[in-house]
Amino acid sequence: VQLQESGGGSVQSGGSLKLSCAASGDTRCMAWFRQVPGKGVEWVSTIYSDGKSADSADSVKGRFTISQDNAKNTLYLQTNSLKPEDTAMYFCVAEVFAGRESVCRATRATMWDFAHWGQGTQVTVSS
């Protein structure tokens, strides 16, 4: 499956953006990661196969919301109350097989553990 992110941009601190990730086919579970230049890749949020249960990193809880539209094979990340430290390239990742769903649930899974990932969309937050 191919993934294509969109919706990034430049906003001021306190602003909002809604990121989208269009998948070319059905997925089992999906997640968002982000990468700051010169730093590692950080997990942001995961939505599981039921399409409703989800987990998020403490750094974004209460500000970011992950959701998906199964009919459109699209994953979303609503980002509110953005901070300069949220500036990063945001990537969506996915697993498509039930046997691989454990990757989504692994607490220390990295972006590269997933079978599919997109090219990323840049979010820049100015103070």
Protein backbone atom coordinates (compact mmCIF):
# COMPACT_ATOMS: atom_id res chain seq x y z
CA VAL A 1 0.00 0.00 0.00
CA GLN A 2 1.21 3.53 -0.76
CA LEU A 3 0.79 6.39 1.70
CA GLN A 4 0.64 10.09 0.87
CA GLU A 5 0.63 12.75 3.59
CA SER A 6 -0.70 16.29 3.18
CA GLY A 7 -1.92 19.22 5.23
CA GLY A 8 1.35 20.46 6.68
CA GLY A 9 2.28 24.12 6.68
CA SER A 10 3.53 27.07 8.69
CA VAL A 11 1.48 28.38 11.61
CA GLN A 12 2.01 30.53 14.66
CA SER A 13 2.15 29.14 18.16
CA GLY A 14 -1.34 28.21 19.32
CA GLY A 15 -2.54 27.50 15.80
CA SER A 16 -3.98 24.31 14.31
CA LEU A 17 -3.41 22.08 11.31
CA LYS A 18 -5.16 18.93 10.13
CA LEU A 19 -2.79 16.43 8.58
CA SER A 20 -4.08 13.75 6.23
CA CYS A 21 -2.62 10.49 5.01
CA ALA A 22 -4.27 8.85 2.01
CA ALA A 23 -3.69 5.12 1.65
CA SER A 24 -3.95 3.38 -1.70
CA GLY A 25 -5.57 0.34 -0.12
CA ASP A 26 -6.96 -1.14 3.06
CA THR A 27 -4.83 -0.95 6.18
CA ARG A 28 -4.89 -2.80 9.48
CA CYS A 29 -3.56 -0.12 11.78
CA MET A 30 -1.82 3.19 11.26
CA ALA A 31 0.30 5.66 13.16
CA TRP A 32 1.98 9.05 12.98
CA PHE A 33 5.66 9.69 13.69
CA ARG A 34 7.63 12.93 13.46
CA GLN A 35 11.26 13.83 12.90
CA VAL A 36 13.06 16.99 13.87
CA PRO A 37 16.23 17.70 11.84
CA GLY A 38 19.25 16.50 13.77
CA LYS A 39 17.10 14.53 16.19
CA GLY A 40 15.54 11.10 16.23
CA VAL A 41 12.13 10.02 15.07
CA GLU A 42 9.42 10.33 17.70
CA TRP A 43 6.21 8.35 17.85
CA VAL A 44 3.15 10.62 17.96
CA SER A 45 -0.04 8.56 17.86
CA THR A 46 -1.49 5.21 16.79
CA ILE A 47 -4.99 4.12 15.84
CA TYR A 48 -5.79 0.43 16.03
CA SER A 49 -7.71 -1.99 13.83
CA ASP A 50 -11.09 -1.16 15.35
CA GLY A 51 -10.64 2.32 13.95
CA LYS A 52 -11.48 3.94 17.27
CA SER A 53 -9.08 2.94 20.03
CA ALA A 54 -5.90 4.95 19.97
CA ASP A 55 -2.83 5.96 21.94
CA SER A 56 -0.81 9.15 21.86
CA ALA A 57 2.51 10.33 23.20
CA ASP A 58 2.36 12.34 26.42
CA SER A 59 3.84 15.33 24.60
CA VAL A 60 0.74 15.65 22.40
CA LYS A 61 -2.06 14.30 24.59
CA GLY A 62 -4.93 16.73 24.86
CA ARG A 63 -3.71 18.65 21.81
CA PHE A 64 -3.53 16.12 18.95
CA THR A 65 -6.29 13.73 17.88
CA ILE A 66 -5.84 10.79 15.54
CA SER A 67 -8.78 9.52 13.51
CA GLN A 68 -9.52 7.73 10.28
CA ASP A 69 -12.16 7.49 7.58
CA ASN A 70 -12.24 3.86 6.47
CA ALA A 71 -14.45 4.62 3.50
CA LYS A 72 -11.79 6.96 2.17
CA ASN A 73 -8.79 4.94 3.42
CA THR A 74 -7.56 8.16 4.99
CA LEU A 75 -5.83 8.79 8.30
CA TYR A 76 -5.98 12.18 10.00
CA LEU A 77 -4.10 14.01 12.73
CA GLN A 78 -5.82 17.07 14.10
CA THR A 79 -3.18 19.20 15.74
CA ASN A 80 -4.31 21.99 18.05
CA SER A 81 -2.50 24.40 20.37
CA LEU A 82 0.66 23.91 18.36
CA LYS A 83 3.99 24.78 19.94
CA PRO A 84 7.37 25.56 18.34
CA GLU A 85 8.62 22.19 19.59
CA ASP A 86 6.00 20.50 17.39
CA THR A 87 7.97 21.66 14.36
CA ALA A 88 8.94 18.51 12.48
CA MET A 89 8.39 16.39 9.41
CA TYR A 90 5.34 14.24 10.09
CA PHE A 91 5.12 10.75 8.62
CA CYS A 92 2.28 8.27 8.55
CA VAL A 93 2.96 4.55 8.69
CA ALA A 94 0.78 1.48 8.29
CA GLU A 95 0.48 -2.24 8.61
CA VAL A 96 -1.90 -4.11 6.33
CA PHE A 97 -1.88 -7.68 7.64
CA ALA A 98 -3.52 -8.91 10.83
CA GLY A 99 -0.37 -10.88 11.67
CA ARG A 100 1.59 -7.62 11.75
CA GLU A 101 -0.74 -5.74 14.06
CA SER A 102 1.63 -6.41 16.95
CA VAL A 103 3.93 -3.80 15.41
CA CYS A 104 1.28 -1.15 16.05
CA ARG A 105 0.94 -2.26 19.66
CA ALA A 106 4.66 -2.51 20.41
CA THR A 107 5.55 0.23 22.86
CA ARG A 108 9.02 0.67 21.41
CA ALA A 109 8.24 0.26 17.74
CA THR A 110 10.09 2.66 15.51
CA MET A 111 8.88 4.12 12.26
CA TRP A 112 11.12 1.67 10.39
CA ASP A 113 9.47 -1.34 12.02
CA PHE A 114 6.36 -0.65 9.97
CA ALA A 115 6.00 -2.15 6.52
CA HIS A 116 4.67 1.00 4.88
CA TRP A 117 5.41 4.71 5.32
CA GLY A 118 4.87 7.92 3.40
CA GLN A 119 7.18 10.75 2.32
CA GLY A 120 6.12 13.10 5.09
CA THR A 121 4.56 16.54 5.43
CA GLN A 122 6.36 19.47 7.10
CA VAL A 123 4.85 21.31 10.05
CA THR A 124 6.53 24.53 11.12
CA VAL A 125 5.36 26.41 14.21
CA SER A 126 6.71 29.88 14.91
CA SER A 127 6.66 31.58 18.31
